[in-house]
């Protein structure tokens, strides 16, 4: 059975969304690991370490937000497969909002981490 054009488009949209979610997991999670590794190499507790801990908090917030993105994306996709119009439901809007929150958390965390190193 041949896929219709709308099925192919929907599959492509889902694949792009998954790539974005994986990217945000990698960015935020990798940032936490990098900062923890860097902090482990510092000899003493300093103001820079306190600032880096704040940055870790933002990156963890980004991880939580991207996990909510995953949950709400699944629920939205489930509604779409049951016949709801794509992109119009409140679940989709929450998923997109959570993804944007994850991006914002990464940006804020990166700025805080950069300020600790200057």
C-alpha atoms as a PDB file:
ATOM      1  CA  UNK A   1       0.000   0.000   0.000  1.00  0.00           C
ATOM      2  CA  UNK A   2       1.386   3.349  -1.027  1.00  0.00           C
ATOM      3  CA  UNK A   3       1.505   6.194   1.473  1.00  0.00           C
ATOM      4  CA  UNK A   4      -0.495   9.275   0.626  1.00  0.00           C
ATOM      5  CA  UNK A   5       1.180  12.667   0.376  1.00  0.00           C
ATOM      6  CA  UNK A   6      -0.356  13.777   3.687  1.00  0.00           C
ATOM      7  CA  UNK A   7       0.953  10.632   5.424  1.00  0.00           C
ATOM      8  CA  UNK A   8       4.450  11.331   4.123  1.00  0.00           C
ATOM      9  CA  UNK A   9       4.229  14.968   5.236  1.00  0.00           C
ATOM     10  CA  UNK A  10       3.021  13.954   8.694  1.00  0.00           C
ATOM     11  CA  UNK A  11       5.834  11.428   9.045  1.00  0.00           C
ATOM     12  CA  UNK A  12       8.388  14.072   8.000  1.00  0.00           C
ATOM     13  CA  UNK A  13       6.981  16.549  10.535  1.00  0.00           C
ATOM     14  CA  UNK A  14       7.209  13.948  13.300  1.00  0.00           C
ATOM     15  CA  UNK A  15      10.797  13.103  12.297  1.00  0.00           C
ATOM     16  CA  UNK A  16      11.792  16.782  12.437  1.00  0.00           C
ATOM     17  CA  UNK A  17      10.135  17.159  15.842  1.00  0.00           C
ATOM     18  CA  UNK A  18      12.001  14.110  17.149  1.00  0.00           C
ATOM     19  CA  UNK A  19      15.284  15.538  15.891  1.00  0.00           C
ATOM     20  CA  UNK A  20      14.573  18.785  17.763  1.00  0.00           C
ATOM     21  CA  UNK A  21      13.670  16.979  20.977  1.00  0.00           C
ATOM     22  CA  UNK A  22      16.803  14.838  20.784  1.00  0.00           C
ATOM     23  CA  UNK A  23      18.872  17.941  20.114  1.00  0.00           C
ATOM     24  CA  UNK A  24      17.543  19.708  23.198  1.00  0.00           C
ATOM     25  CA  UNK A  25      18.203  16.613  25.328  1.00  0.00           C
ATOM     26  CA  UNK A  26      21.756  16.498  24.007  1.00  0.00           C
ATOM     27  CA  UNK A  27      22.418  20.227  24.493  1.00  0.00           C
ATOM     28  CA  UNK A  28      21.084  20.463  28.039  1.00  0.00           C
ATOM     29  CA  UNK A  29      22.373  17.069  29.195  1.00  0.00           C
ATOM     30  CA  UNK A  30      25.779  17.573  27.623  1.00  0.00           C
ATOM     31  CA  UNK A  31      26.048  20.967  29.265  1.00  0.00           C
ATOM     32  CA  UNK A  32      25.403  19.490  32.717  1.00  0.00           C
ATOM     33  CA  UNK A  33      28.039  16.807  32.148  1.00  0.00           C
ATOM     34  CA  UNK A  34      30.577  19.319  30.821  1.00  0.00           C
ATOM     35  CA  UNK A  35      30.129  21.674  33.783  1.00  0.00           C
ATOM     36  CA  UNK A  36      30.325  18.847  36.321  1.00  0.00           C
ATOM     37  CA  UNK A  37      33.533  17.635  34.675  1.00  0.00           C
ATOM     38  CA  UNK A  38      34.982  21.144  34.706  1.00  0.00           C
ATOM     39  CA  UNK A  39      34.007  21.685  38.347  1.00  0.00           C
ATOM     40  CA  UNK A  40      35.657  18.407  39.305  1.00  0.00           C
ATOM     41  CA  UNK A  41      38.964  19.761  38.033  1.00  0.00           C
ATOM     42  CA  UNK A  42      38.807  22.974  40.098  1.00  0.00           C
ATOM     43  CA  UNK A  43      40.889  22.881  43.266  1.00  0.00           C
ATOM     44  CA  UNK A  44      38.769  24.951  45.604  1.00  0.00           C
ATOM     45  CA  UNK A  45      35.233  26.150  46.121  1.00  0.00           C
ATOM     46  CA  UNK A  46      34.849  29.561  44.590  1.00  0.00           C
ATOM     47  CA  UNK A  47      32.294  32.076  43.396  1.00  0.00           C
ATOM     48  CA  UNK A  48      32.711  30.606  39.910  1.00  0.00           C
ATOM     49  CA  UNK A  49      31.578  27.225  41.201  1.00  0.00           C
ATOM     50  CA  UNK A  50      28.501  28.771  42.827  1.00  0.00           C
ATOM     51  CA  UNK A  51      27.635  30.417  39.526  1.00  0.00           C
ATOM     52  CA  UNK A  52      28.183  27.160  37.635  1.00  0.00           C
ATOM     53  CA  UNK A  53      25.783  25.403  40.016  1.00  0.00           C
ATOM     54  CA  UNK A  54      23.156  27.988  39.055  1.00  0.00           C
ATOM     55  CA  UNK A  55      23.841  27.255  35.389  1.00  0.00           C
ATOM     56  CA  UNK A  56      23.385  23.531  36.053  1.00  0.00           C
ATOM     57  CA  UNK A  57      19.987  24.341  37.561  1.00  0.00           C
ATOM     58  CA  UNK A  58      18.930  26.034  34.321  1.00  0.00           C
ATOM     59  CA  UNK A  59      20.202  23.128  32.219  1.00  0.00           C
ATOM     60  CA  UNK A  60      18.306  20.654  34.411  1.00  0.00           C
ATOM     61  CA  UNK A  61      15.224  22.851  33.973  1.00  0.00           C
ATOM     62  CA  UNK A  62      15.774  22.535  30.227  1.00  0.00           C
ATOM     63  CA  UNK A  63      15.922  18.757  30.544  1.00  0.00           C
ATOM     64  CA  UNK A  64      12.671  18.714  32.515  1.00  0.00           C
ATOM     65  CA  UNK A  65      11.012  20.957  29.936  1.00  0.00           C
ATOM     66  CA  UNK A  66      12.119  18.738  27.054  1.00  0.00           C
ATOM     67  CA  UNK A  67      10.769  15.679  28.864  1.00  0.00           C
ATOM     68  CA  UNK A  68       7.416  17.450  29.178  1.00  0.00           C
ATOM     69  CA  UNK A  69       7.731  18.207  25.465  1.00  0.00           C
ATOM     70  CA  UNK A  70       8.068  14.494  24.805  1.00  0.00           C
ATOM     71  CA  UNK A  71       5.048  13.606  26.934  1.00  0.00           C
ATOM     72  CA  UNK A  72       2.771  16.263  25.454  1.00  0.00           C
ATOM     73  CA  UNK A  73       3.988  15.501  21.921  1.00  0.00           C
ATOM     74  CA  UNK A  74       3.027  11.865  22.417  1.00  0.00           C
ATOM     75  CA  UNK A  75      -0.398  12.829  23.744  1.00  0.00           C
ATOM     76  CA  UNK A  76      -0.937  15.297  20.878  1.00  0.00           C
ATOM     77  CA  UNK A  77       0.108  12.710  18.299  1.00  0.00           C
ATOM     78  CA  UNK A  78      -2.257  10.215  19.905  1.00  0.00           C
ATOM     79  CA  UNK A  79      -5.124  12.692  19.485  1.00  0.00           C
ATOM     80  CA  UNK A  80      -4.146  13.316  15.854  1.00  0.00           C
ATOM     81  CA  UNK A  81      -4.224   9.596  15.077  1.00  0.00           C
ATOM     82  CA  UNK A  82      -7.746   9.520  16.518  1.00  0.00           C
ATOM     83  CA  UNK A  83      -8.861  12.159  14.028  1.00  0.00           C
ATOM     84  CA  UNK A  84      -8.181  15.501  15.701  1.00  0.00           C
ATOM     85  CA  UNK A  85      -6.812  18.216  13.386  1.00  0.00           C
ATOM     86  CA  UNK A  86      -3.027  18.421  13.484  1.00  0.00           C
ATOM     87  CA  UNK A  87      -1.491  21.400  15.246  1.00  0.00           C
ATOM     88  CA  UNK A  88      -4.722  22.870  16.617  1.00  0.00           C
ATOM     89  CA  UNK A  89      -5.080  21.200  20.002  1.00  0.00           C
ATOM     90  CA  UNK A  90      -3.993  22.469  23.381  1.00  0.00           C
ATOM     91  CA  UNK A  91      -1.656  19.480  23.793  1.00  0.00           C
ATOM     92  CA  UNK A  92       0.316  20.575  20.749  1.00  0.00           C
ATOM     93  CA  UNK A  93       0.538  24.127  22.068  1.00  0.00           C
ATOM     94  CA  UNK A  94       1.830  22.918  25.436  1.00  0.00           C
ATOM     95  CA  UNK A  95       4.404  20.683  23.723  1.00  0.00           C
ATOM     96  CA  UNK A  96       5.671  23.600  21.638  1.00  0.00           C
ATOM     97  CA  UNK A  97       5.740  25.859  24.705  1.00  0.00           C
ATOM     98  CA  UNK A  98       7.764  23.304  26.640  1.00  0.00           C
ATOM     99  CA  UNK A  99      10.233  22.998  23.766  1.00  0.00           C
ATOM    100  CA  UNK A 100      10.647  26.785  23.676  1.00  0.00           C
ATOM    101  CA  UNK A 101      11.110  26.777  27.452  1.00  0.00           C
ATOM    102  CA  UNK A 102      13.867  24.179  27.063  1.00  0.00           C
ATOM    103  CA  UNK A 103      15.624  26.359  24.497  1.00  0.00           C
ATOM    104  CA  UNK A 104      15.294  29.368  26.815  1.00  0.00           C
ATOM    105  CA  UNK A 105      16.691  27.388  29.756  1.00  0.00           C
ATOM    106  CA  UNK A 106      19.683  26.370  27.669  1.00  0.00           C
ATOM    107  CA  UNK A 107      20.320  29.959  26.605  1.00  0.00           C
ATOM    108  CA  UNK A 108      20.093  31.314  30.145  1.00  0.00           C
ATOM    109  CA  UNK A 109      22.255  28.492  31.502  1.00  0.00           C
ATOM    110  CA  UNK A 110      24.870  29.123  28.829  1.00  0.00           C
ATOM    111  CA  UNK A 111      24.974  32.848  29.626  1.00  0.00           C
ATOM    112  CA  UNK A 112      25.318  32.150  33.353  1.00  0.00           C
ATOM    113  CA  UNK A 113      28.082  29.581  32.727  1.00  0.00           C
ATOM    114  CA  UNK A 114      29.905  32.014  30.462  1.00  0.00           C
ATOM    115  CA  UNK A 115      29.717  34.727  33.125  1.00  0.00           C
ATOM    116  CA  UNK A 116      31.325  32.337  35.622  1.00  0.00           C
ATOM    117  CA  UNK A 117      34.287  31.823  33.340  1.00  0.00           C
ATOM    118  CA  UNK A 118      35.009  35.471  32.636  1.00  0.00           C
END
